[in-house]
Amino acid sequence: MAAEGQARLPSRAADRAPVARRTAARPWPDLYHGANYPQLQQVKARWDPRDFFHHDLSVRPPGR
């Protein structure tokens, strides 16, 4: 608990959780996009074939 007059920082407990608790049994695209993922990959292949717009959780091009 923050002392009086001190700002309290938001909790990042999920980031400190053991990896086993943060890792799902299924790949994240299945959990997040479900059956739509293959179609999203086709859209990605058409509009961003070189994967210029990417981050850790972005839709991957087909075959990656």
C-alpha atoms as a PDB file:
ATOM      1  CA  MET A   1       0.000   0.000   0.000  1.00  0.00           C
ATOM      2  CA  ALA A   2       1.303   3.469  -0.865  1.00  0.00           C
ATOM      3  CA  ALA A   3       2.181   5.751   1.984  1.00  0.00           C
ATOM      4  CA  GLU A   4       0.090   8.857   2.479  1.00  0.00           C
ATOM      5  CA  GLY A   5       0.965  11.516  -0.092  1.00  0.00           C
ATOM      6  CA  GLN A   6       2.602   9.056  -2.501  1.00  0.00           C
ATOM      7  CA  ALA A   7       1.180   8.115  -5.874  1.00  0.00           C
ATOM      8  CA  ARG A   8       0.207   4.496  -6.271  1.00  0.00           C
ATOM      9  CA  LEU A   9       1.492   2.835  -9.432  1.00  0.00           C
ATOM     10  CA  PRO A  10      -0.799   0.470 -11.338  1.00  0.00           C
ATOM     11  CA  SER A  11      -0.272  -3.202 -10.570  1.00  0.00           C
ATOM     12  CA  ARG A  12       1.532  -5.245 -13.194  1.00  0.00           C
ATOM     13  CA  ALA A  13       1.021  -8.545 -11.401  1.00  0.00           C
ATOM     14  CA  ALA A  14       0.243 -10.395 -14.649  1.00  0.00           C
ATOM     15  CA  ASP A  15       3.693  -9.478 -15.985  1.00  0.00           C
ATOM     16  CA  ARG A  16       5.317 -10.954 -12.875  1.00  0.00           C
ATOM     17  CA  ALA A  17       3.292 -14.168 -12.949  1.00  0.00           C
ATOM     18  CA  PRO A  18       5.229 -17.367 -13.668  1.00  0.00           C
ATOM     19  CA  VAL A  19       5.466 -18.164 -17.370  1.00  0.00           C
ATOM     20  CA  ALA A  20       3.391 -21.332 -16.918  1.00  0.00           C
ATOM     21  CA  ARG A  21       0.444 -19.198 -15.760  1.00  0.00           C
ATOM     22  CA  ARG A  22       0.801 -16.784 -18.702  1.00  0.00           C
ATOM     23  CA  THR A  23       1.134 -19.472 -21.377  1.00  0.00           C
ATOM     24  CA  ALA A  24      -2.008 -20.938 -22.881  1.00  0.00           C
ATOM     25  CA  ALA A  25      -2.276 -24.503 -24.111  1.00  0.00           C
ATOM     26  CA  ARG A  26      -3.415 -23.201 -27.519  1.00  0.00           C
ATOM     27  CA  PRO A  27      -1.567 -20.656 -29.695  1.00  0.00           C
ATOM     28  CA  TRP A  28      -2.674 -17.058 -29.157  1.00  0.00           C
ATOM     29  CA  PRO A  29      -4.082 -16.614 -32.713  1.00  0.00           C
ATOM     30  CA  ASP A  30      -6.526 -19.463 -32.054  1.00  0.00           C
ATOM     31  CA  LEU A  31      -7.609 -17.923 -28.773  1.00  0.00           C
ATOM     32  CA  TYR A  32      -7.917 -14.363 -30.068  1.00  0.00           C
ATOM     33  CA  HIS A  33      -9.039 -14.673 -33.711  1.00  0.00           C
ATOM     34  CA  GLY A  34     -10.509 -18.174 -33.734  1.00  0.00           C
ATOM     35  CA  ALA A  35     -11.682 -19.488 -37.081  1.00  0.00           C
ATOM     36  CA  ASN A  36     -11.135 -16.053 -38.695  1.00  0.00           C
ATOM     37  CA  TYR A  37      -7.331 -16.277 -38.578  1.00  0.00           C
ATOM     38  CA  PRO A  38      -6.788 -17.935 -42.009  1.00  0.00           C
ATOM     39  CA  GLN A  39      -8.931 -15.252 -43.653  1.00  0.00           C
ATOM     40  CA  LEU A  40      -7.020 -12.529 -41.800  1.00  0.00           C
ATOM     41  CA  GLN A  41      -3.784 -14.061 -43.067  1.00  0.00           C
ATOM     42  CA  GLN A  42      -5.070 -13.803 -46.635  1.00  0.00           C
ATOM     43  CA  VAL A  43      -5.908 -10.125 -46.088  1.00  0.00           C
ATOM     44  CA  LYS A  44      -2.451  -9.597 -44.594  1.00  0.00           C
ATOM     45  CA  ALA A  45      -0.827 -11.293 -47.617  1.00  0.00           C
ATOM     46  CA  ARG A  46      -2.697  -9.036 -50.013  1.00  0.00           C
ATOM     47  CA  TRP A  47      -2.267  -5.685 -48.243  1.00  0.00           C
ATOM     48  CA  ASP A  48       1.059  -6.149 -46.426  1.00  0.00           C
ATOM     49  CA  PRO A  49       2.976  -8.902 -48.265  1.00  0.00           C
ATOM     50  CA  ARG A  50       6.354  -7.810 -46.838  1.00  0.00           C
ATOM     51  CA  ASP A  51       5.038  -7.737 -43.240  1.00  0.00           C
ATOM     52  CA  PHE A  52       6.000  -4.076 -42.817  1.00  0.00           C
ATOM     53  CA  PHE A  53       3.280  -3.495 -40.216  1.00  0.00           C
ATOM     54  CA  HIS A  54       3.993  -6.017 -37.496  1.00  0.00           C
ATOM     55  CA  HIS A  55       4.369  -6.463 -33.765  1.00  0.00           C
ATOM     56  CA  ASP A  56       4.477  -9.453 -31.425  1.00  0.00           C
ATOM     57  CA  LEU A  57       0.711 -10.038 -31.594  1.00  0.00           C
ATOM     58  CA  SER A  58      -0.006  -9.081 -35.199  1.00  0.00           C
ATOM     59  CA  VAL A  59      -1.446 -11.444 -37.792  1.00  0.00           C
ATOM     60  CA  ARG A  60       1.379 -13.355 -39.417  1.00  0.00           C
ATOM     61  CA  PRO A  61       1.543 -13.784 -43.198  1.00  0.00           C
ATOM     62  CA  PRO A  62       0.620 -17.273 -44.437  1.00  0.00           C
ATOM     63  CA  GLY A  63       3.460 -19.751 -44.013  1.00  0.00           C
ATOM     64  CA  ARG A  64       5.059 -18.013 -41.017  1.00  0.00           C
END
